[in-house]
């Protein structure tokens, strides 16, 4: 992790959270710059990722590589499907995720 990332890390030491073991995305708890390494708190573990995109605070980031059409889970619930392949560390939003209500309301 870079020294800049350490100074901006949240007080509990994580920069994003995933609440359920089935989650394929995490919620970013602070803005993360493209190319920056960051820590994701997951159930029972922490993982390190590198941001492929700028990640705005409270947006979703892919935890693993997801193929096009993959079911996306957040907080243990199905929220939609990827519309394109999405690599780990990529911002997950309406440009690459179709919401489960078909209104692209992700």
Foldseek 3Di string as FASTA:
>chain_A
DDPVQVVVADPVQFQWEAEAPPAQKTFGQAWDAQQDWGWYHYVPDIDIDGANHTHHHRFIFGQAWDAFQDFGDGNRDTFFTFNHTHGGNYTDALVTTQGPVNPRPD
